[in-house]
Amino acid sequence: MGPVVAAFLIGHSGDMARFANRDHYASYNATAPIEASSGPRVRHRLNPKGNRRLNHAIHVIAMAQISHQSDGRTYFDRKLAEGKTTKEALRALKRHISNAVYRQLVIDSRK
């Protein structure tokens, strides 16, 4: 990720003390999926709420990782091999990135 995307993440995340855990952060940045199941079919969909600019920054990171050989690409390919659709695998990668961003911002806020 470049300096512009990093600035978006830091600026739009704000004080990390306001998030109790990584799940609350994922809900804030709209990477936590919403269940949209009907009958026996269990599925999840995009969360339309949350900070859309922060979600866009995470999306840019995810697309950059998919386009190059990286740990993100390996994670994405593994999700596809598990039988997830492309959208579901991308959504899982974005959540994975959100967790990594949360972990790093919490570490940096303690310094």
PDB file of N, CA and C in Angstrom:
ATOM      1  N   MET A   1       0.845  -1.167   0.000  1.00  0.00           N
ATOM      2  CA  MET A   1       0.000   0.000   0.000  1.00  0.00           C
ATOM      3  C   MET A   1       0.888   1.226   0.000  1.00  0.00           C
ATOM      4  N   GLY A   2       0.418   2.256  -0.636  1.00  0.00           N
ATOM      5  CA  GLY A   2       1.198   3.478  -0.746  1.00  0.00           C
ATOM      6  C   GLY A   2       0.856   4.473   0.346  1.00  0.00           C
ATOM      7  N   PRO A   3       1.518   5.630   0.318  1.00  0.00           N
ATOM      8  CA  PRO A   3       1.308   6.633   1.359  1.00  0.00           C
ATOM      9  C   PRO A   3      -0.088   7.250   1.350  1.00  0.00           C
ATOM     10  N   VAL A   4      -0.714   7.342   0.185  1.00  0.00           N
ATOM     11  CA  VAL A   4      -2.054   7.938   0.115  1.00  0.00           C
ATOM     12  C   VAL A   4      -3.074   7.022   0.773  1.00  0.00           C
ATOM     13  N   VAL A   5      -3.006   5.736   0.458  1.00  0.00           N
ATOM     14  CA  VAL A   5      -3.940   4.778   1.057  1.00  0.00           C
ATOM     15  C   VAL A   5      -3.688   4.667   2.559  1.00  0.00           C
ATOM     16  N   ALA A   6      -2.429   4.691   2.966  1.00  0.00           N
ATOM     17  CA  ALA A   6      -2.100   4.657   4.394  1.00  0.00           C
ATOM     18  C   ALA A   6      -2.679   5.870   5.112  1.00  0.00           C
ATOM     19  N   ALA A   7      -2.601   7.025   4.476  1.00  0.00           N
ATOM     20  CA  ALA A   7      -3.167   8.238   5.074  1.00  0.00           C
ATOM     21  C   ALA A   7      -4.682   8.121   5.221  1.00  0.00           C
ATOM     22  N   PHE A   8      -5.348   7.543   4.224  1.00  0.00           N
ATOM     23  CA  PHE A   8      -6.790   7.312   4.322  1.00  0.00           C
ATOM     24  C   PHE A   8      -7.105   6.402   5.503  1.00  0.00           C
ATOM     25  N   LEU A   9      -6.340   5.319   5.648  1.00  0.00           N
ATOM     26  CA  LEU A   9      -6.592   4.373   6.729  1.00  0.00           C
ATOM     27  C   LEU A   9      -6.404   5.031   8.092  1.00  0.00           C
ATOM     28  N   ILE A  10      -5.323   5.764   8.246  1.00  0.00           N
ATOM     29  CA  ILE A  10      -5.051   6.404   9.533  1.00  0.00           C
ATOM     30  C   ILE A  10      -6.054   7.514   9.811  1.00  0.00           C
ATOM     31  N   GLY A  11      -6.305   8.351   8.802  1.00  0.00           N
ATOM     32  CA  GLY A  11      -7.198   9.484   8.996  1.00  0.00           C
ATOM     33  C   GLY A  11      -8.644   9.098   9.253  1.00  0.00           C
ATOM     34  N   HIS A  12      -9.142   8.114   8.518  1.00  0.00           N
ATOM     35  CA  HIS A  12     -10.543   7.727   8.679  1.00  0.00           C
ATOM     36  C   HIS A  12     -10.766   6.762   9.833  1.00  0.00           C
ATOM     37  N   SER A  13      -9.720   6.121  10.308  1.00  0.00           N
ATOM     38  CA  SER A  13      -9.874   5.218  11.455  1.00  0.00           C
ATOM     39  C   SER A  13      -9.914   5.999  12.757  1.00  0.00           C
ATOM     40  N   GLY A  14      -9.133   7.054  12.831  1.00  0.00           N
ATOM     41  CA  GLY A  14      -9.135   7.875  14.037  1.00  0.00           C
ATOM     42  C   GLY A  14      -8.513   7.163  15.217  1.00  0.00           C
ATOM     43  N   ASP A  15      -9.021   7.458  16.410  1.00  0.00           N
ATOM     44  CA  ASP A  15      -8.509   6.875  17.640  1.00  0.00           C
ATOM     45  C   ASP A  15      -8.943   5.419  17.746  1.00  0.00           C
ATOM     46  N   MET A  16      -7.996   4.513  17.794  1.00  0.00           N
ATOM     47  CA  MET A  16      -8.309   3.077  17.813  1.00  0.00           C
ATOM     48  C   MET A  16      -8.886   2.630  19.145  1.00  0.00           C
ATOM     49  N   ALA A  17      -8.772   3.440  20.188  1.00  0.00           N
ATOM     50  CA  ALA A  17      -9.321   3.077  21.496  1.00  0.00           C
ATOM     51  C   ALA A  17     -10.846   3.001  21.464  1.00  0.00           C
ATOM     52  N   ARG A  18     -11.462   3.600  20.488  1.00  0.00           N
ATOM     53  CA  ARG A  18     -12.931   3.576  20.413  1.00  0.00           C
ATOM     54  C   ARG A  18     -13.479   2.257  19.881  1.00  0.00           C
ATOM     55  N   PHE A  19     -12.611   1.390  19.372  1.00  0.00           N
ATOM     56  CA  PHE A  19     -13.037   0.081  18.885  1.00  0.00           C
ATOM     57  C   PHE A  19     -12.655  -0.971  19.915  1.00  0.00           C
ATOM     58  N   ALA A  20     -13.652  -1.704  20.406  1.00  0.00           N
ATOM     59  CA  ALA A  20     -13.404  -2.711  21.440  1.00  0.00           C
ATOM     60  C   ALA A  20     -12.564  -3.873  20.918  1.00  0.00           C
ATOM     61  N   ASN A  21     -12.785  -4.247  19.663  1.00  0.00           N
ATOM     62  CA  ASN A  21     -12.030  -5.355  19.078  1.00  0.00           C
ATOM     63  C   ASN A  21     -12.066  -5.238  17.563  1.00  0.00           C
ATOM     64  N   ARG A  22     -11.452  -6.214  16.892  1.00  0.00           N
ATOM     65  CA  ARG A  22     -11.353  -6.164  15.433  1.00  0.00           C
ATOM     66  C   ARG A  22     -12.709  -6.310  14.755  1.00  0.00           C
ATOM     67  N   ASP A  23     -13.669  -6.960  15.425  1.00  0.00           N
ATOM     68  CA  ASP A  23     -15.004  -7.099  14.855  1.00  0.00           C
ATOM     69  C   ASP A  23     -15.725  -5.753  14.796  1.00  0.00           C
ATOM     70  N   HIS A  24     -15.551  -4.942  15.824  1.00  0.00           N
ATOM     71  CA  HIS A  24     -16.154  -3.602  15.823  1.00  0.00           C
ATOM     72  C   HIS A  24     -15.526  -2.727  14.744  1.00  0.00           C
ATOM     73  N   TYR A  25     -14.215  -2.881  14.556  1.00  0.00           N
ATOM     74  CA  TYR A  25     -13.532  -2.125  13.510  1.00  0.00           C
ATOM     75  C   TYR A  25     -14.028  -2.563  12.133  1.00  0.00           C
ATOM     76  N   ALA A  26     -14.214  -3.862  11.941  1.00  0.00           N
ATOM     77  CA  ALA A  26     -14.709  -4.381  10.655  1.00  0.00           C
ATOM     78  C   ALA A  26     -16.128  -3.884  10.386  1.00  0.00           C
ATOM     79  N   SER A  27     -16.922  -3.781  11.413  1.00  0.00           N
ATOM     80  CA  SER A  27     -18.269  -3.243  11.236  1.00  0.00           C
ATOM     81  C   SER A  27     -18.214  -1.770  10.844  1.00  0.00           C
ATOM     82  N   TYR A  28     -17.287  -1.027  11.452  1.00  0.00           N
ATOM     83  CA  TYR A  28     -17.135   0.392  11.141  1.00  0.00           C
ATOM     84  C   TYR A  28     -16.670   0.610   9.707  1.00  0.00           C
ATOM     85  N   ASN A  29     -15.743  -0.236   9.223  1.00  0.00           N
ATOM     86  CA  ASN A  29     -15.240  -0.034   7.871  1.00  0.00           C
ATOM     87  C   ASN A  29     -16.004  -0.846   6.827  1.00  0.00           C
ATOM     88  N   ALA A  30     -17.102  -1.451   7.229  1.00  0.00           N
ATOM     89  CA  ALA A  30     -18.030  -2.158   6.330  1.00  0.00           C
ATOM     90  C   ALA A  30     -17.420  -3.389   5.666  1.00  0.00           C
ATOM     91  N   THR A  31     -16.497  -4.066   6.352  1.00  0.00           N
ATOM     92  CA  THR A  31     -15.992  -5.331   5.827  1.00  0.00           C
ATOM     93  C   THR A  31     -16.587  -6.518   6.566  1.00  0.00           C
ATOM     94  N   ALA A  32     -17.387  -6.259   7.598  1.00  0.00           N
ATOM     95  CA  ALA A  32     -18.089  -7.335   8.295  1.00  0.00           C
ATOM     96  C   ALA A  32     -19.319  -7.687   7.466  1.00  0.00           C
ATOM     97  N   PRO A  33     -19.423  -8.939   7.023  1.00  0.00           N
ATOM     98  CA  PRO A  33     -20.557  -9.300   6.167  1.00  0.00           C
ATOM     99  C   PRO A  33     -21.865  -9.360   6.948  1.00  0.00           C
ATOM    100  N   ILE A  34     -22.954  -9.149   6.230  1.00  0.00           N
ATOM    101  CA  ILE A  34     -24.297  -9.248   6.797  1.00  0.00           C
ATOM    102  C   ILE A  34     -24.914 -10.524   6.261  1.00  0.00           C
ATOM    103  N   GLU A  35     -25.510 -11.300   7.155  1.00  0.00           N
ATOM    104  CA  GLU A  35     -26.140 -12.537   6.700  1.00  0.00           C
ATOM    105  C   GLU A  35     -27.394 -12.197   5.902  1.00  0.00           C
ATOM    106  N   ALA A  36     -27.534 -12.834   4.751  1.00  0.00           N
ATOM    107  CA  ALA A  36     -28.697 -12.622   3.881  1.00  0.00           C
ATOM    108  C   ALA A  36     -29.230 -13.985   3.441  1.00  0.00           C
ATOM    109  N   SER A  37     -29.389 -14.881   4.408  1.00  0.00           N
ATOM    110  CA  SER A  37     -29.820 -16.238   4.111  1.00  0.00           C
ATOM    111  C   SER A  37     -31.328 -16.285   3.889  1.00  0.00           C
ATOM    112  N   SER A  38     -31.724 -17.254   3.091  1.00  0.00           N
ATOM    113  CA  SER A  38     -33.135 -17.469   2.836  1.00  0.00           C
ATOM    114  C   SER A  38     -33.350 -18.973   2.692  1.00  0.00           C
ATOM    115  N   GLY A  39     -34.142 -19.519   3.594  1.00  0.00           N
ATOM    116  CA  GLY A  39     -34.385 -20.957   3.550  1.00  0.00           C
ATOM    117  C   GLY A  39     -33.108 -21.726   3.838  1.00  0.00           C
ATOM    118  N   PRO A  40     -32.854 -22.779   3.078  1.00  0.00           N
ATOM    119  CA  PRO A  40     -31.653 -23.587   3.341  1.00  0.00           C
ATOM    120  C   PRO A  40     -30.368 -22.962   2.812  1.00  0.00           C
ATOM    121  N   ARG A  41     -30.477 -21.955   1.963  1.00  0.00           N
ATOM    122  CA  ARG A  41     -29.287 -21.335   1.376  1.00  0.00           C
ATOM    123  C   ARG A  41     -28.706 -20.301   2.346  1.00  0.00           C
ATOM    124  N   VAL A  42     -27.484 -20.529   2.764  1.00  0.00           N
ATOM    125  CA  VAL A  42     -26.804 -19.614   3.681  1.00  0.00           C
ATOM    126  C   VAL A  42     -25.826 -18.783   2.868  1.00  0.00           C
ATOM    127  N   ARG A  43     -25.995 -17.465   2.922  1.00  0.00           N
ATOM    128  CA  ARG A  43     -25.086 -16.587   2.198  1.00  0.00           C
ATOM    129  C   ARG A  43     -24.938 -15.278   2.963  1.00  0.00           C
ATOM    130  N   HIS A  44     -23.922 -14.523   2.590  1.00  0.00           N
ATOM    131  CA  HIS A  44     -23.653 -13.221   3.204  1.00  0.00           C
ATOM    132  C   HIS A  44     -23.523 -12.198   2.096  1.00  0.00           C
ATOM    133  N   ARG A  45     -23.777 -10.948   2.449  1.00  0.00           N
ATOM    134  CA  ARG A  45     -23.691  -9.892   1.443  1.00  0.00           C
ATOM    135  C   ARG A  45     -22.902  -8.723   2.009  1.00  0.00           C
ATOM    136  N   LEU A  46     -22.636  -7.769   1.128  1.00  0.00           N
ATOM    137  CA  LEU A  46     -21.879  -6.574   1.495  1.00  0.00           C
ATOM    138  C   LEU A  46     -22.651  -5.734   2.500  1.00  0.00           C
ATOM    139  N   ASN A  47     -21.938  -5.203   3.446  1.00  0.00           N
ATOM    140  CA  ASN A  47     -22.522  -4.297   4.423  1.00  0.00           C
ATOM    141  C   ASN A  47     -22.578  -2.902   3.800  1.00  0.00           C
ATOM    142  N   PRO A  48     -23.784  -2.340   3.557  1.00  0.00           N
ATOM    143  CA  PRO A  48     -23.867  -1.024   2.916  1.00  0.00           C
ATOM    144  C   PRO A  48     -23.595   0.138   3.868  1.00  0.00           C
ATOM    145  N   LYS A  49     -23.497  -0.154   5.158  1.00  0.00           N
ATOM    146  CA  LYS A  49     -23.273   0.905   6.139  1.00  0.00           C
ATOM    147  C   LYS A  49     -21.786   1.010   6.434  1.00  0.00           C
ATOM    148  N   GLY A  50     -21.436   1.856   7.333  1.00  0.00           N
ATOM    149  CA  GLY A  50     -20.034   2.004   7.710  1.00  0.00           C
ATOM    150  C   GLY A  50     -19.369   3.105   6.908  1.00  0.00           C
ATOM    151  N   ASN A  51     -18.097   3.263   7.150  1.00  0.00           N
ATOM    152  CA  ASN A  51     -17.305   4.302   6.496  1.00  0.00           C
ATOM    153  C   ASN A  51     -16.908   3.820   5.107  1.00  0.00           C
ATOM    154  N   ARG A  52     -17.558   4.332   4.078  1.00  0.00           N
ATOM    155  CA  ARG A  52     -17.345   3.859   2.712  1.00  0.00           C
ATOM    156  C   ARG A  52     -15.961   4.255   2.188  1.00  0.00           C
ATOM    157  N   ARG A  53     -15.423   5.377   2.629  1.00  0.00           N
ATOM    158  CA  ARG A  53     -14.085   5.782   2.179  1.00  0.00           C
ATOM    159  C   ARG A  53     -13.020   4.844   2.734  1.00  0.00           C
ATOM    160  N   LEU A  54     -13.197   4.436   3.981  1.00  0.00           N
ATOM    161  CA  LEU A  54     -12.282   3.481   4.578  1.00  0.00           C
ATOM    162  C   LEU A  54     -12.405   2.131   3.873  1.00  0.00           C
ATOM    163  N   ASN A  55     -13.622   1.745   3.548  1.00  0.00           N
ATOM    164  CA  ASN A  55     -13.856   0.500   2.821  1.00  0.00           C
ATOM    165  C   ASN A  55     -13.198   0.560   1.444  1.00  0.00           C
ATOM    166  N   HIS A  56     -13.267   1.700   0.793  1.00  0.00           N
ATOM    167  CA  HIS A  56     -12.638   1.854  -0.524  1.00  0.00           C
ATOM    168  C   HIS A  56     -11.124   1.702  -0.426  1.00  0.00           C
ATOM    169  N   ALA A  57     -10.526   2.260   0.622  1.00  0.00           N
ATOM    170  CA  ALA A  57      -9.079   2.134   0.800  1.00  0.00           C
ATOM    171  C   ALA A  57      -8.695   0.664   0.982  1.00  0.00           C
ATOM    172  N   ILE A  58      -9.485  -0.079   1.735  1.00  0.00           N
ATOM    173  CA  ILE A  58      -9.218  -1.507   1.928  1.00  0.00           C
ATOM    174  C   ILE A  58      -9.430  -2.260   0.613  1.00  0.00           C
ATOM    175  N   HIS A  59     -10.408  -1.840  -0.163  1.00  0.00           N
ATOM    176  CA  HIS A  59     -10.654  -2.455  -1.465  1.00  0.00           C
ATOM    177  C   HIS A  59      -9.463  -2.239  -2.404  1.00  0.00           C
ATOM    178  N   VAL A  60      -8.894  -1.054  -2.389  1.00  0.00           N
ATOM    179  CA  VAL A  60      -7.717  -0.764  -3.221  1.00  0.00           C
ATOM    180  C   VAL A  60      -6.556  -1.675  -2.828  1.00  0.00           C
ATOM    181  N   ILE A  61      -6.353  -1.881  -1.534  1.00  0.00           N
ATOM    182  CA  ILE A  61      -5.297  -2.771  -1.065  1.00  0.00           C
ATOM    183  C   ILE A  61      -5.572  -4.199  -1.544  1.00  0.00           C
ATOM    184  N   ALA A  62      -6.824  -4.645  -1.425  1.00  0.00           N
ATOM    185  CA  ALA A  62      -7.183  -6.008  -1.834  1.00  0.00           C
ATOM    186  C   ALA A  62      -6.946  -6.212  -3.332  1.00  0.00           C
ATOM    187  N   MET A  63      -7.334  -5.257  -4.145  1.00  0.00           N
ATOM    188  CA  MET A  63      -7.151  -5.396  -5.593  1.00  0.00           C
ATOM    189  C   MET A  63      -5.672  -5.399  -5.958  1.00  0.00           C
ATOM    190  N   ALA A  64      -4.867  -4.606  -5.260  1.00  0.00           N
ATOM    191  CA  ALA A  64      -3.426  -4.604  -5.516  1.00  0.00           C
ATOM    192  C   ALA A  64      -2.812  -5.945  -5.139  1.00  0.00           C
ATOM    193  N   GLN A  65      -3.273  -6.540  -4.048  1.00  0.00           N
ATOM    194  CA  GLN A  65      -2.725  -7.830  -3.636  1.00  0.00           C
ATOM    195  C   GLN A  65      -3.146  -8.944  -4.580  1.00  0.00           C
ATOM    196  N   ILE A  66      -4.353  -8.874  -5.105  1.00  0.00           N
ATOM    197  CA  ILE A  66      -4.827  -9.906  -6.035  1.00  0.00           C
ATOM    198  C   ILE A  66      -4.070  -9.830  -7.358  1.00  0.00           C
ATOM    199  N   SER A  67      -3.713  -8.637  -7.773  1.00  0.00           N
ATOM    200  CA  SER A  67      -3.068  -8.480  -9.077  1.00  0.00           C
ATOM    201  C   SER A  67      -1.592  -8.875  -9.087  1.00  0.00           C
ATOM    202  N   HIS A  68      -1.003  -9.112  -7.919  1.00  0.00           N
ATOM    203  CA  HIS A  68       0.403  -9.507  -7.824  1.00  0.00           C
ATOM    204  C   HIS A  68       0.513 -10.778  -6.975  1.00  0.00           C
ATOM    205  N   GLN A  69       1.604 -11.491  -7.155  1.00  0.00           N
ATOM    206  CA  GLN A  69       1.835 -12.652  -6.300  1.00  0.00           C
ATOM    207  C   GLN A  69       2.192 -12.149  -4.909  1.00  0.00           C
ATOM    208  N   SER A  70       1.317 -12.399  -3.951  1.00  0.00           N
ATOM    209  CA  SER A  70       1.514 -11.934  -2.585  1.00  0.00           C
ATOM    210  C   SER A  70       0.773 -12.877  -1.643  1.00  0.00           C
ATOM    211  N   ASP A  71       0.895 -12.606  -0.353  1.00  0.00           N
ATOM    212  CA  ASP A  71       0.156 -13.399   0.624  1.00  0.00           C
ATOM    213  C   ASP A  71      -1.344 -13.227   0.422  1.00  0.00           C
ATOM    214  N   GLY A  72      -1.756 -12.026   0.025  1.00  0.00           N
ATOM    215  CA  GLY A  72      -3.170 -11.769  -0.247  1.00  0.00           C
ATOM    216  C   GLY A  72      -3.678 -12.593  -1.423  1.00  0.00           C
ATOM    217  N   ARG A  73      -2.861 -12.723  -2.454  1.00  0.00           N
ATOM    218  CA  ARG A  73      -3.249 -13.536  -3.613  1.00  0.00           C
ATOM    219  C   ARG A  73      -3.365 -15.007  -3.226  1.00  0.00           C
ATOM    220  N   THR A  74      -2.454 -15.474  -2.393  1.00  0.00           N
ATOM    221  CA  THR A  74      -2.506 -16.856  -1.914  1.00  0.00           C
ATOM    222  C   THR A  74      -3.776 -17.090  -1.107  1.00  0.00           C
ATOM    223  N   TYR A  75      -4.121 -16.152  -0.232  1.00  0.00           N
ATOM    224  CA  TYR A  75      -5.342 -16.247   0.575  1.00  0.00           C
ATOM    225  C   TYR A  75      -6.572 -16.264  -0.340  1.00  0.00           C
ATOM    226  N   PHE A  76      -6.600 -15.374  -1.324  1.00  0.00           N
ATOM    227  CA  PHE A  76      -7.715 -15.285  -2.277  1.00  0.00           C
ATOM    228  C   PHE A  76      -7.870 -16.599  -3.048  1.00  0.00           C
ATOM    229  N   ASP A  77      -6.768 -17.143  -3.544  1.00  0.00           N
ATOM    230  CA  ASP A  77      -6.809 -18.408  -4.286  1.00  0.00           C
ATOM    231  C   ASP A  77      -7.278 -19.561  -3.401  1.00  0.00           C
ATOM    232  N   ARG A  78      -6.864 -19.556  -2.137  1.00  0.00           N
ATOM    233  CA  ARG A  78      -7.307 -20.598  -1.217  1.00  0.00           C
ATOM    234  C   ARG A  78      -8.818 -20.535  -1.004  1.00  0.00           C
ATOM    235  N   LYS A  79      -9.368 -19.330  -0.897  1.00  0.00           N
ATOM    236  CA  LYS A  79     -10.816 -19.177  -0.724  1.00  0.00           C
ATOM    237  C   LYS A  79     -11.563 -19.644  -1.972  1.00  0.00           C
ATOM    238  N   LEU A  80     -11.006 -19.362  -3.151  1.00  0.00           N
ATOM    239  CA  LEU A  80     -11.617 -19.850  -4.390  1.00  0.00           C
ATOM    240  C   LEU A  80     -11.595 -21.377  -4.431  1.00  0.00           C
ATOM    241  N   ALA A  81     -10.495 -21.982  -3.986  1.00  0.00           N
ATOM    242  CA  ALA A  81     -10.378 -23.441  -3.965  1.00  0.00           C
ATOM    243  C   ALA A  81     -11.351 -24.071  -2.974  1.00  0.00           C
ATOM    244  N   GLU A  82     -11.724 -23.314  -1.940  1.00  0.00           N
ATOM    245  CA  GLU A  82     -12.709 -23.809  -0.970  1.00  0.00           C
ATOM    246  C   GLU A  82     -14.118 -23.796  -1.525  1.00  0.00           C
ATOM    247  N   GLY A  83     -14.295 -23.225  -2.716  1.00  0.00           N
ATOM    248  CA  GLY A  83     -15.609 -23.205  -3.343  1.00  0.00           C
ATOM    249  C   GLY A  83     -16.344 -21.880  -3.256  1.00  0.00           C
ATOM    250  N   LYS A  84     -15.683 -20.861  -2.752  1.00  0.00           N
ATOM    251  CA  LYS A  84     -16.328 -19.547  -2.680  1.00  0.00           C
ATOM    252  C   LYS A  84     -16.332 -18.903  -4.059  1.00  0.00           C
ATOM    253  N   THR A  85     -17.316 -18.039  -4.283  1.00  0.00           N
ATOM    254  CA  THR A  85     -17.354 -17.298  -5.533  1.00  0.00           C
ATOM    255  C   THR A  85     -16.281 -16.209  -5.471  1.00  0.00           C
ATOM    256  N   THR A  86     -16.046 -15.548  -6.599  1.00  0.00           N
ATOM    257  CA  THR A  86     -15.039 -14.484  -6.641  1.00  0.00           C
ATOM    258  C   THR A  86     -15.401 -13.356  -5.680  1.00  0.00           C
ATOM    259  N   LYS A  87     -16.667 -12.985  -5.642  1.00  0.00           N
ATOM    260  CA  LYS A  87     -17.095 -11.914  -4.738  1.00  0.00           C
ATOM    261  C   LYS A  87     -16.925 -12.324  -3.282  1.00  0.00           C
ATOM    262  N   GLU A  88     -17.271 -13.560  -2.959  1.00  0.00           N
ATOM    263  CA  GLU A  88     -17.123 -14.036  -1.586  1.00  0.00           C
ATOM    264  C   GLU A  88     -15.652 -14.094  -1.180  1.00  0.00           C
ATOM    265  N   ALA A  89     -14.803 -14.542  -2.089  1.00  0.00           N
ATOM    266  CA  ALA A  89     -13.368 -14.601  -1.800  1.00  0.00           C
ATOM    267  C   ALA A  89     -12.795 -13.199  -1.617  1.00  0.00           C
ATOM    268  N   LEU A  90     -13.227 -12.246  -2.435  1.00  0.00           N
ATOM    269  CA  LEU A  90     -12.772 -10.857  -2.290  1.00  0.00           C
ATOM    270  C   LEU A  90     -13.245 -10.284  -0.961  1.00  0.00           C
ATOM    271  N   ARG A  91     -14.475 -10.566  -0.592  1.00  0.00           N
ATOM    272  CA  ARG A  91     -15.020 -10.091   0.680  1.00  0.00           C
ATOM    273  C   ARG A  91     -14.215 -10.669   1.845  1.00  0.00           C
ATOM    274  N   ALA A  92     -13.843 -11.949   1.755  1.00  0.00           N
ATOM    275  CA  ALA A  92     -13.041 -12.579   2.805  1.00  0.00           C
ATOM    276  C   ALA A  92     -11.649 -11.942   2.879  1.00  0.00           C
ATOM    277  N   LEU A  93     -11.060 -11.655   1.726  1.00  0.00           N
ATOM    278  CA  LEU A  93      -9.746 -11.008   1.699  1.00  0.00           C
ATOM    279  C   LEU A  93      -9.818  -9.617   2.317  1.00  0.00           C
ATOM    280  N   LYS A  94     -10.861  -8.872   2.015  1.00  0.00           N
ATOM    281  CA  LYS A  94     -11.007  -7.530   2.586  1.00  0.00           C
ATOM    282  C   LYS A  94     -11.131  -7.596   4.110  1.00  0.00           C
ATOM    283  N   ARG A  95     -11.846  -8.599   4.614  1.00  0.00           N
ATOM    284  CA  ARG A  95     -11.964  -8.764   6.063  1.00  0.00           C
ATOM    285  C   ARG A  95     -10.606  -9.141   6.657  1.00  0.00           C
ATOM    286  N   HIS A  96      -9.876  -9.977   5.967  1.00  0.00           N
ATOM    287  CA  HIS A  96      -8.539 -10.379   6.405  1.00  0.00           C
ATOM    288  C   HIS A  96      -7.620  -9.156   6.475  1.00  0.00           C
ATOM    289  N   ILE A  97      -7.692  -8.301   5.473  1.00  0.00           N
ATOM    290  CA  ILE A  97      -6.898  -7.067   5.455  1.00  0.00           C
ATOM    291  C   ILE A  97      -7.343  -6.137   6.579  1.00  0.00           C
ATOM    292  N   SER A  98      -8.646  -6.037   6.801  1.00  0.00           N
ATOM    293  CA  SER A  98      -9.178  -5.204   7.881  1.00  0.00           C
ATOM    294  C   SER A  98      -8.607  -5.637   9.229  1.00  0.00           C
ATOM    295  N   ASN A  99      -8.543  -6.948   9.452  1.00  0.00           N
ATOM    296  CA  ASN A  99      -7.987  -7.456  10.707  1.00  0.00           C
ATOM    297  C   ASN A  99      -6.515  -7.087  10.844  1.00  0.00           C
ATOM    298  N   ALA A 100      -5.758  -7.174   9.754  1.00  0.00           N
ATOM    299  CA  ALA A 100      -4.340  -6.821   9.776  1.00  0.00           C
ATOM    300  C   ALA A 100      -4.151  -5.319  10.026  1.00  0.00           C
ATOM    301  N   VAL A 101      -4.985  -4.503   9.387  1.00  0.00           N
ATOM    302  CA  VAL A 101      -4.912  -3.050   9.585  1.00  0.00           C
ATOM    303  C   VAL A 101      -5.237  -2.708  11.037  1.00  0.00           C
ATOM    304  N   TYR A 102      -6.281  -3.321  11.582  1.00  0.00           N
ATOM    305  CA  TYR A 102      -6.660  -3.081  12.974  1.00  0.00           C
ATOM    306  C   TYR A 102      -5.503  -3.426  13.912  1.00  0.00           C
ATOM    307  N   ARG A 103      -4.926  -4.604  13.702  1.00  0.00           N
ATOM    308  CA  ARG A 103      -3.820  -5.053  14.554  1.00  0.00           C
ATOM    309  C   ARG A 103      -2.666  -4.053  14.510  1.00  0.00           C
ATOM    310  N   GLN A 104      -2.300  -3.580  13.327  1.00  0.00           N
ATOM    311  CA  GLN A 104      -1.172  -2.656  13.191  1.00  0.00           C
ATOM    312  C   GLN A 104      -1.485  -1.280  13.782  1.00  0.00           C
ATOM    313  N   LEU A 105      -2.703  -0.788  13.557  1.00  0.00           N
ATOM    314  CA  LEU A 105      -3.055   0.523  14.095  1.00  0.00           C
ATOM    315  C   LEU A 105      -3.127   0.510  15.618  1.00  0.00           C
ATOM    316  N   VAL A 106      -3.566  -0.608  16.193  1.00  0.00           N
ATOM    317  CA  VAL A 106      -3.582  -0.726  17.653  1.00  0.00           C
ATOM    318  C   VAL A 106      -2.157  -0.737  18.200  1.00  0.00           C
ATOM    319  N   ILE A 107      -1.273  -1.470  17.547  1.00  0.00           N
ATOM    320  CA  ILE A 107       0.135  -1.502  17.968  1.00  0.00           C
ATOM    321  C   ILE A 107       0.739  -0.112  17.881  1.00  0.00           C
ATOM    322  N   ASP A 108       0.478   0.594  16.764  1.00  0.00           N
ATOM    323  CA  ASP A 108       1.039   1.937  16.582  1.00  0.00           C
ATOM    324  C   ASP A 108       0.459   2.944  17.560  1.00  0.00           C
ATOM    325  N   SER A 109      -0.798   2.780  17.963  1.00  0.00           N
ATOM    326  CA  SER A 109      -1.409   3.740  18.887  1.00  0.00           C
ATOM    327  C   SER A 109      -0.867   3.593  20.307  1.00  0.00           C
ATOM    328  N   ARG A 110      -0.277   2.444  20.618  1.00  0.00           N
ATOM    329  CA  ARG A 110       0.288   2.218  21.952  1.00  0.00           C
ATOM    330  C   ARG A 110       1.672   2.810  22.114  1.00  0.00           C
ATOM    331  N   LYS A 111       2.293   3.209  21.008  1.00  0.00           N
ATOM    332  CA  LYS A 111       3.664   3.738  21.066  1.00  0.00           C
ATOM    333  C   LYS A 111       3.673   5.163  21.550  1.00  0.00           C
TER     334      LYS A 111
END
